[in-house]
Amino acid sequence: MEQAEAIALLAELAEWQSRDEFVYRHKWEPDMLVMWDNRAVLHKASGGYEGQRRELHRTTIAAWQA
């Protein structure tokens, strides 16, 4: 694939994945916990927690098979 074609494809994919039907916006409330699977979502902080402590923890769950 030529670079120009690849860049156009990446732009199309970026536009597609951020369509409103795929976007979840969270409204924070006190003592709330949110978890997501990094393998299946794109995520970013977009504000809304100004003046509050923002604490993040990473947890890894590994599948084990005998």
C-alpha atoms as a PDB file:
ATOM      1  CA  MET A   1       0.000   0.000   0.000  1.00  0.00           C
ATOM      2  CA  GLU A   2       1.368   3.385  -0.908  1.00  0.00           C
ATOM      3  CA  GLN A   3       1.950   5.830   1.940  1.00  0.00           C
ATOM      4  CA  ALA A   4      -0.700   8.307   0.723  1.00  0.00           C
ATOM      5  CA  GLU A   5      -3.273   5.509   0.568  1.00  0.00           C
ATOM      6  CA  ALA A   6      -2.260   4.254   4.029  1.00  0.00           C
ATOM      7  CA  ILE A   7      -2.577   7.735   5.548  1.00  0.00           C
ATOM      8  CA  ALA A   8      -6.017   8.148   3.990  1.00  0.00           C
ATOM      9  CA  LEU A   9      -7.084   4.771   5.404  1.00  0.00           C
ATOM     10  CA  LEU A  10      -5.801   5.658   8.884  1.00  0.00           C
ATOM     11  CA  ALA A  11      -7.692   8.960   8.767  1.00  0.00           C
ATOM     12  CA  GLU A  12     -10.875   7.139   7.761  1.00  0.00           C
ATOM     13  CA  LEU A  13     -10.466   4.619  10.581  1.00  0.00           C
ATOM     14  CA  ALA A  14      -9.812   7.370  13.148  1.00  0.00           C
ATOM     15  CA  GLU A  15     -12.963   9.188  12.025  1.00  0.00           C
ATOM     16  CA  TRP A  16     -15.016   5.981  12.119  1.00  0.00           C
ATOM     17  CA  GLN A  17     -13.935   4.883  15.598  1.00  0.00           C
ATOM     18  CA  SER A  18     -14.832   8.221  17.167  1.00  0.00           C
ATOM     19  CA  ARG A  19     -18.402   8.331  15.856  1.00  0.00           C
ATOM     20  CA  ASP A  20     -20.965   9.289  18.502  1.00  0.00           C
ATOM     21  CA  GLU A  21     -22.545   5.829  18.439  1.00  0.00           C
ATOM     22  CA  PHE A  22     -19.251   4.373  19.759  1.00  0.00           C
ATOM     23  CA  VAL A  23     -18.440   7.073  22.341  1.00  0.00           C
ATOM     24  CA  TYR A  24     -19.172   6.696  26.046  1.00  0.00           C
ATOM     25  CA  ARG A  25     -18.814   9.791  28.216  1.00  0.00           C
ATOM     26  CA  HIS A  26     -18.779   9.192  31.924  1.00  0.00           C
ATOM     27  CA  LYS A  27     -20.291  11.554  34.480  1.00  0.00           C
ATOM     28  CA  TRP A  28     -18.368  11.233  37.709  1.00  0.00           C
ATOM     29  CA  GLU A  29     -20.017  11.034  41.112  1.00  0.00           C
ATOM     30  CA  PRO A  30     -18.380  10.765  44.565  1.00  0.00           C
ATOM     31  CA  ASP A  31     -16.745   7.414  45.407  1.00  0.00           C
ATOM     32  CA  MET A  32     -17.210   6.098  41.872  1.00  0.00           C
ATOM     33  CA  LEU A  33     -14.996   3.437  40.289  1.00  0.00           C
ATOM     34  CA  VAL A  34     -14.718   2.875  36.536  1.00  0.00           C
ATOM     35  CA  MET A  35     -12.917  -0.049  34.902  1.00  0.00           C
ATOM     36  CA  TRP A  36     -12.284  -0.839  31.246  1.00  0.00           C
ATOM     37  CA  ASP A  37     -10.397  -3.345  29.135  1.00  0.00           C
ATOM     38  CA  ASN A  38      -7.499  -1.589  27.397  1.00  0.00           C
ATOM     39  CA  ARG A  39      -7.444  -4.281  24.717  1.00  0.00           C
ATOM     40  CA  ALA A  40     -10.917  -3.357  23.527  1.00  0.00           C
ATOM     41  CA  VAL A  41     -11.299   0.404  23.956  1.00  0.00           C
ATOM     42  CA  LEU A  42      -9.692   3.722  23.226  1.00  0.00           C
ATOM     43  CA  HIS A  43      -9.865   6.068  26.173  1.00  0.00           C
ATOM     44  CA  LYS A  44      -8.744   9.491  27.214  1.00  0.00           C
ATOM     45  CA  ALA A  45      -9.374  11.894  30.037  1.00  0.00           C
ATOM     46  CA  SER A  46     -11.360  14.875  28.871  1.00  0.00           C
ATOM     47  CA  GLY A  47     -11.649  16.860  32.082  1.00  0.00           C
ATOM     48  CA  GLY A  48     -14.520  17.190  34.488  1.00  0.00           C
ATOM     49  CA  TYR A  49     -12.425  16.378  37.541  1.00  0.00           C
ATOM     50  CA  GLU A  50     -10.848  19.789  38.085  1.00  0.00           C
ATOM     51  CA  GLY A  51     -10.178  20.445  41.769  1.00  0.00           C
ATOM     52  CA  GLN A  52     -10.499  16.720  42.552  1.00  0.00           C
ATOM     53  CA  ARG A  53      -7.901  14.041  43.084  1.00  0.00           C
ATOM     54  CA  ARG A  54      -7.510  11.816  40.030  1.00  0.00           C
ATOM     55  CA  GLU A  55      -6.080   8.452  41.009  1.00  0.00           C
ATOM     56  CA  LEU A  56      -5.353   5.678  38.519  1.00  0.00           C
ATOM     57  CA  HIS A  57      -4.421   2.055  39.203  1.00  0.00           C
ATOM     58  CA  ARG A  58      -3.533  -0.561  36.628  1.00  0.00           C
ATOM     59  CA  THR A  59      -4.622  -4.154  37.112  1.00  0.00           C
ATOM     60  CA  THR A  60      -3.542  -7.005  34.859  1.00  0.00           C
ATOM     61  CA  ILE A  61      -5.579 -10.200  34.748  1.00  0.00           C
ATOM     62  CA  ALA A  62      -3.880 -13.091  33.025  1.00  0.00           C
ATOM     63  CA  ALA A  63      -5.768 -16.114  31.744  1.00  0.00           C
ATOM     64  CA  TRP A  64      -4.345 -19.410  32.969  1.00  0.00           C
ATOM     65  CA  GLN A  65      -4.865 -22.683  31.209  1.00  0.00           C
ATOM     66  CA  ALA A  66      -3.789 -26.093  32.499  1.00  0.00           C
END
